[in-house]
Amino acid sequence: MSAPVGDPAAAHRGPATAPVLYARVLLTIGDRIVVANHRGQPWFFLLGERVATGEGVEQVLHRLLRHAAGFEVRSLDFIGGMERPGTNPGARPEIDLLFAGAVPRYAEFGSRLDDLDLVTLRTSDLGAVAFRPAGAGDMIRTWLADREPRWHTDRGSGHPTSVASD
């Protein structure tokens, strides 16, 4: 793959170091949240999928929800981003972009996939649940507390809109 003309950073970034982008969605039903679980596993995760080159994040989430849950959400609110190292040694870094949306009132709740369960949790139970990626639980809790988007890394979190003063 060659670097686009006029993009000097692309030559340094290259395909081996460009981050892998994932889109994930936090679904809400009243005061509960929806999480997914691969049957038999002790951990939970937010529905999500890798974003292919040229594909929009919201496009990915709408397609994923239609396929996995059988409905779409009307609007998505940006929760924030989570930057983490790749899951395997030498792997490209990964960035998760998280959005929130309410499950529509008409939706028949449940997974349409054989190996996937969708379950609801009270927000007060979030601390007792293991998430993958590991930082997702903290990200969900902080967003539910104040509805402010944040950028999360291994070094903590911050508001992406904050500006340092001189």
C-alpha atoms as a PDB file:
ATOM      1  CA  MET A   1       0.000   0.000   0.000  1.00  0.00           C
ATOM      2  CA  SER A   2       1.499   3.362  -0.968  1.00  0.00           C
ATOM      3  CA  ALA A   3       1.125   6.593   0.972  1.00  0.00           C
ATOM      4  CA  PRO A   4      -1.351   9.113  -0.429  1.00  0.00           C
ATOM      5  CA  VAL A   5       0.274  11.967  -2.346  1.00  0.00           C
ATOM      6  CA  GLY A   6       0.552  15.072  -0.194  1.00  0.00           C
ATOM      7  CA  ASP A   7       0.402  13.205   3.143  1.00  0.00           C
ATOM      8  CA  PRO A   8       3.940  13.386   4.591  1.00  0.00           C
ATOM      9  CA  ALA A   9       2.853  11.744   7.862  1.00  0.00           C
ATOM     10  CA  ALA A  10       1.629   8.649   5.994  1.00  0.00           C
ATOM     11  CA  ALA A  11       5.186   7.725   5.030  1.00  0.00           C
ATOM     12  CA  HIS A  12       6.129   7.581   8.729  1.00  0.00           C
ATOM     13  CA  ARG A  13       2.895   6.034   9.910  1.00  0.00           C
ATOM     14  CA  GLY A  14       2.749   3.235   7.367  1.00  0.00           C
ATOM     15  CA  PRO A  15       0.301   0.342   7.379  1.00  0.00           C
ATOM     16  CA  ALA A  16       2.139  -1.517  10.166  1.00  0.00           C
ATOM     17  CA  THR A  17       1.733   1.292  12.720  1.00  0.00           C
ATOM     18  CA  ALA A  18      -1.609   2.850  11.811  1.00  0.00           C
ATOM     19  CA  PRO A  19      -4.104   2.183  14.617  1.00  0.00           C
ATOM     20  CA  VAL A  20      -6.983  -0.237  14.187  1.00  0.00           C
ATOM     21  CA  LEU A  21     -10.297   1.592  14.649  1.00  0.00           C
ATOM     22  CA  TYR A  22     -13.323   0.013  16.338  1.00  0.00           C
ATOM     23  CA  ALA A  23     -16.820   1.446  16.797  1.00  0.00           C
ATOM     24  CA  ARG A  24     -18.760   0.358  19.895  1.00  0.00           C
ATOM     25  CA  VAL A  25     -22.206   1.224  21.219  1.00  0.00           C
ATOM     26  CA  LEU A  26     -23.551   1.496  24.752  1.00  0.00           C
ATOM     27  CA  LEU A  27     -27.266   0.780  24.600  1.00  0.00           C
ATOM     28  CA  THR A  28     -29.554   2.065  27.329  1.00  0.00           C
ATOM     29  CA  ILE A  29     -33.022   0.992  28.429  1.00  0.00           C
ATOM     30  CA  GLY A  30     -34.237   3.411  31.053  1.00  0.00           C
ATOM     31  CA  ASP A  31     -31.792   3.190  33.970  1.00  0.00           C
ATOM     32  CA  ARG A  32     -30.164  -0.005  32.678  1.00  0.00           C
ATOM     33  CA  ILE A  33     -27.461  -0.626  30.108  1.00  0.00           C
ATOM     34  CA  VAL A  34     -27.146  -3.406  27.551  1.00  0.00           C
ATOM     35  CA  VAL A  35     -23.951  -5.427  27.339  1.00  0.00           C
ATOM     36  CA  ALA A  36     -23.000  -8.446  25.272  1.00  0.00           C
ATOM     37  CA  ASN A  37     -21.465 -11.744  26.320  1.00  0.00           C
ATOM     38  CA  HIS A  38     -20.078 -14.659  24.345  1.00  0.00           C
ATOM     39  CA  ARG A  39     -21.874 -17.630  25.852  1.00  0.00           C
ATOM     40  CA  GLY A  40     -19.784 -19.357  28.499  1.00  0.00           C
ATOM     41  CA  GLN A  41     -17.356 -16.444  28.991  1.00  0.00           C
ATOM     42  CA  PRO A  42     -17.159 -14.591  32.330  1.00  0.00           C
ATOM     43  CA  TRP A  43     -16.573 -11.166  30.729  1.00  0.00           C
ATOM     44  CA  PHE A  44     -18.821  -8.695  28.927  1.00  0.00           C
ATOM     45  CA  PHE A  45     -18.344  -6.139  26.165  1.00  0.00           C
ATOM     46  CA  LEU A  46     -20.161  -3.444  24.235  1.00  0.00           C
ATOM     47  CA  LEU A  47     -21.418  -4.397  20.801  1.00  0.00           C
ATOM     48  CA  GLY A  48     -18.850  -3.230  18.308  1.00  0.00           C
ATOM     49  CA  GLU A  49     -16.981  -3.933  15.160  1.00  0.00           C
ATOM     50  CA  ARG A  50     -13.814  -2.954  13.358  1.00  0.00           C
ATOM     51  CA  VAL A  51     -14.249   0.031  11.041  1.00  0.00           C
ATOM     52  CA  ALA A  52     -13.064  -0.740   7.526  1.00  0.00           C
ATOM     53  CA  THR A  53     -11.180   1.811   5.445  1.00  0.00           C
ATOM     54  CA  GLY A  54     -13.650   4.224   3.866  1.00  0.00           C
ATOM     55  CA  GLU A  55     -16.520   3.227   6.179  1.00  0.00           C
ATOM     56  CA  GLY A  56     -18.176   5.628   8.604  1.00  0.00           C
ATOM     57  CA  VAL A  57     -18.382   4.851  12.322  1.00  0.00           C
ATOM     58  CA  GLU A  58     -22.141   5.461  12.538  1.00  0.00           C
ATOM     59  CA  GLN A  59     -22.664   3.357   9.408  1.00  0.00           C
ATOM     60  CA  VAL A  60     -20.864   0.464  11.116  1.00  0.00           C
ATOM     61  CA  LEU A  61     -22.941   0.791  14.301  1.00  0.00           C
ATOM     62  CA  HIS A  62     -26.287   0.966  12.496  1.00  0.00           C
ATOM     63  CA  ARG A  63     -25.415  -2.096  10.394  1.00  0.00           C
ATOM     64  CA  LEU A  64     -24.185  -3.977  13.471  1.00  0.00           C
ATOM     65  CA  LEU A  65     -27.342  -3.242  15.469  1.00  0.00           C
ATOM     66  CA  ARG A  66     -29.598  -4.340  12.608  1.00  0.00           C
ATOM     67  CA  HIS A  67     -27.636  -7.593  12.282  1.00  0.00           C
ATOM     68  CA  ALA A  68     -27.042  -8.473  15.965  1.00  0.00           C
ATOM     69  CA  ALA A  69     -30.124  -7.012  17.645  1.00  0.00           C
ATOM     70  CA  GLY A  70     -32.686  -6.403  14.888  1.00  0.00           C
ATOM     71  CA  PHE A  71     -33.174  -2.678  15.431  1.00  0.00           C
ATOM     72  CA  GLU A  72     -31.550   0.718  14.900  1.00  0.00           C
ATOM     73  CA  VAL A  73     -31.225   3.627  17.284  1.00  0.00           C
ATOM     74  CA  ARG A  74     -32.427   7.073  16.247  1.00  0.00           C
ATOM     75  CA  SER A  75     -29.411   8.987  17.488  1.00  0.00           C
ATOM     76  CA  LEU A  76     -25.980   8.250  18.851  1.00  0.00           C
ATOM     77  CA  ASP A  77     -24.199  10.359  21.475  1.00  0.00           C
ATOM     78  CA  PHE A  78     -20.408  10.386  21.550  1.00  0.00           C
ATOM     79  CA  ILE A  79     -19.076   8.907  24.808  1.00  0.00           C
ATOM     80  CA  GLY A  80     -15.405   9.182  23.979  1.00  0.00           C
ATOM     81  CA  GLY A  81     -12.420   7.291  22.746  1.00  0.00           C
ATOM     82  CA  MET A  82     -10.240   4.634  24.257  1.00  0.00           C
ATOM     83  CA  GLU A  83      -6.687   4.214  23.036  1.00  0.00           C
ATOM     84  CA  ARG A  84      -4.853   1.009  23.913  1.00  0.00           C
ATOM     85  CA  PRO A  85      -1.958  -1.109  22.734  1.00  0.00           C
ATOM     86  CA  GLY A  86      -2.691  -3.970  20.363  1.00  0.00           C
ATOM     87  CA  THR A  87      -3.947  -7.172  21.926  1.00  0.00           C
ATOM     88  CA  ASN A  88      -0.893  -9.195  20.831  1.00  0.00           C
ATOM     89  CA  PRO A  89       2.819  -8.293  21.124  1.00  0.00           C
ATOM     90  CA  GLY A  90       3.835  -6.254  18.100  1.00  0.00           C
ATOM     91  CA  ALA A  91       0.224  -5.646  17.081  1.00  0.00           C
ATOM     92  CA  ARG A  92      -0.975  -2.250  15.905  1.00  0.00           C
ATOM     93  CA  PRO A  93      -2.479   0.060  18.538  1.00  0.00           C
ATOM     94  CA  GLU A  94      -6.270   0.047  18.794  1.00  0.00           C
ATOM     95  CA  ILE A  95      -8.718   2.916  19.171  1.00  0.00           C
ATOM     96  CA  ASP A  96     -12.301   2.338  20.268  1.00  0.00           C
ATOM     97  CA  LEU A  97     -14.824   5.084  19.561  1.00  0.00           C
ATOM     98  CA  LEU A  98     -17.800   4.670  21.877  1.00  0.00           C
ATOM     99  CA  PHE A  99     -21.295   5.984  21.313  1.00  0.00           C
ATOM    100  CA  ALA A 100     -24.508   5.682  23.325  1.00  0.00           C
ATOM    101  CA  GLY A 101     -28.037   5.168  22.091  1.00  0.00           C
ATOM    102  CA  ALA A 102     -31.408   4.259  23.572  1.00  0.00           C
ATOM    103  CA  VAL A 103     -33.047   0.961  22.634  1.00  0.00           C
ATOM    104  CA  PRO A 104     -36.245   1.912  20.749  1.00  0.00           C
ATOM    105  CA  ARG A 105     -39.537   1.227  22.531  1.00  0.00           C
ATOM    106  CA  TYR A 106     -40.746  -1.024  19.703  1.00  0.00           C
ATOM    107  CA  ALA A 107     -37.623  -3.213  19.721  1.00  0.00           C
ATOM    108  CA  GLU A 108     -37.822  -6.877  20.514  1.00  0.00           C
ATOM    109  CA  PHE A 109     -34.903  -7.219  22.865  1.00  0.00           C
ATOM    110  CA  GLY A 110     -32.418 -10.038  22.358  1.00  0.00           C
ATOM    111  CA  SER A 111     -29.560 -11.252  20.221  1.00  0.00           C
ATOM    112  CA  ARG A 112     -30.062 -12.550  16.705  1.00  0.00           C
ATOM    113  CA  LEU A 113     -26.700 -14.329  16.826  1.00  0.00           C
ATOM    114  CA  ASP A 114     -26.375 -17.877  18.154  1.00  0.00           C
ATOM    115  CA  ASP A 115     -23.197 -17.401  20.208  1.00  0.00           C
ATOM    116  CA  LEU A 116     -24.035 -13.994  21.658  1.00  0.00           C
ATOM    117  CA  ASP A 117     -26.218 -12.989  24.594  1.00  0.00           C
ATOM    118  CA  LEU A 118     -27.458  -9.456  25.183  1.00  0.00           C
ATOM    119  CA  VAL A 119     -28.196  -8.734  28.828  1.00  0.00           C
ATOM    120  CA  THR A 120     -29.138  -5.680  30.828  1.00  0.00           C
ATOM    121  CA  LEU A 121     -27.292  -4.465  33.904  1.00  0.00           C
ATOM    122  CA  ARG A 122     -28.165  -1.923  36.539  1.00  0.00           C
ATOM    123  CA  THR A 123     -25.616   0.849  36.484  1.00  0.00           C
ATOM    124  CA  SER A 124     -24.918   0.145  40.167  1.00  0.00           C
ATOM    125  CA  ASP A 125     -23.666  -3.344  39.167  1.00  0.00           C
ATOM    126  CA  LEU A 126     -21.026  -2.109  36.719  1.00  0.00           C
ATOM    127  CA  GLY A 127     -18.179  -2.364  39.240  1.00  0.00           C
ATOM    128  CA  ALA A 128     -18.751  -6.104  39.674  1.00  0.00           C
ATOM    129  CA  VAL A 129     -18.566  -6.905  35.953  1.00  0.00           C
ATOM    130  CA  ALA A 130     -15.403  -7.734  33.985  1.00  0.00           C
ATOM    131  CA  PHE A 131     -15.247  -5.915  30.634  1.00  0.00           C
ATOM    132  CA  ARG A 132     -13.193  -6.365  27.502  1.00  0.00           C
ATOM    133  CA  PRO A 133     -11.443  -4.210  26.639  1.00  0.00           C
ATOM    134  CA  ALA A 134     -10.622  -3.736  30.315  1.00  0.00           C
ATOM    135  CA  GLY A 135     -11.042   0.068  30.311  1.00  0.00           C
ATOM    136  CA  ALA A 136     -14.589  -0.054  28.953  1.00  0.00           C
ATOM    137  CA  GLY A 137     -16.190  -0.381  32.394  1.00  0.00           C
ATOM    138  CA  ASP A 138     -14.460   2.760  33.707  1.00  0.00           C
ATOM    139  CA  MET A 139     -15.332   4.628  30.551  1.00  0.00           C
ATOM    140  CA  ILE A 140     -19.006   3.696  30.872  1.00  0.00           C
ATOM    141  CA  ARG A 141     -19.124   4.668  34.560  1.00  0.00           C
ATOM    142  CA  THR A 142     -17.517   8.085  34.041  1.00  0.00           C
ATOM    143  CA  TRP A 143     -19.766   8.918  31.108  1.00  0.00           C
ATOM    144  CA  LEU A 144     -22.926   7.856  32.947  1.00  0.00           C
ATOM    145  CA  ALA A 145     -21.895  10.052  35.898  1.00  0.00           C
ATOM    146  CA  ASP A 146     -21.681  13.331  33.978  1.00  0.00           C
ATOM    147  CA  ARG A 147     -22.426  12.651  30.271  1.00  0.00           C
ATOM    148  CA  GLU A 148     -19.126  14.307  29.294  1.00  0.00           C
ATOM    149  CA  PRO A 149     -17.065  12.652  26.523  1.00  0.00           C
ATOM    150  CA  ARG A 150     -13.503  11.714  27.443  1.00  0.00           C
ATOM    151  CA  TRP A 151     -10.419  10.288  25.797  1.00  0.00           C
ATOM    152  CA  HIS A 152      -9.098   7.287  27.746  1.00  0.00           C
ATOM    153  CA  THR A 153      -5.600   5.837  27.581  1.00  0.00           C
ATOM    154  CA  ASP A 154      -3.501   3.604  29.815  1.00  0.00           C
ATOM    155  CA  ARG A 155      -2.427   6.840  31.521  1.00  0.00           C
ATOM    156  CA  GLY A 156      -5.938   7.909  32.560  1.00  0.00           C
ATOM    157  CA  SER A 157      -8.607  10.034  30.937  1.00  0.00           C
ATOM    158  CA  GLY A 158      -9.259  13.630  30.020  1.00  0.00           C
ATOM    159  CA  HIS A 159     -11.821  15.772  28.286  1.00  0.00           C
ATOM    160  CA  PRO A 160     -10.946  15.983  24.593  1.00  0.00           C
ATOM    161  CA  THR A 161     -12.273  19.531  24.445  1.00  0.00           C
ATOM    162  CA  SER A 162     -10.166  20.884  27.327  1.00  0.00           C
ATOM    163  CA  VAL A 163      -7.578  23.497  26.458  1.00  0.00           C
ATOM    164  CA  ALA A 164      -4.435  24.065  28.495  1.00  0.00           C
ATOM    165  CA  SER A 165      -3.844  27.660  29.474  1.00  0.00           C
ATOM    166  CA  ASP A 166      -0.432  29.293  29.278  1.00  0.00           C
END
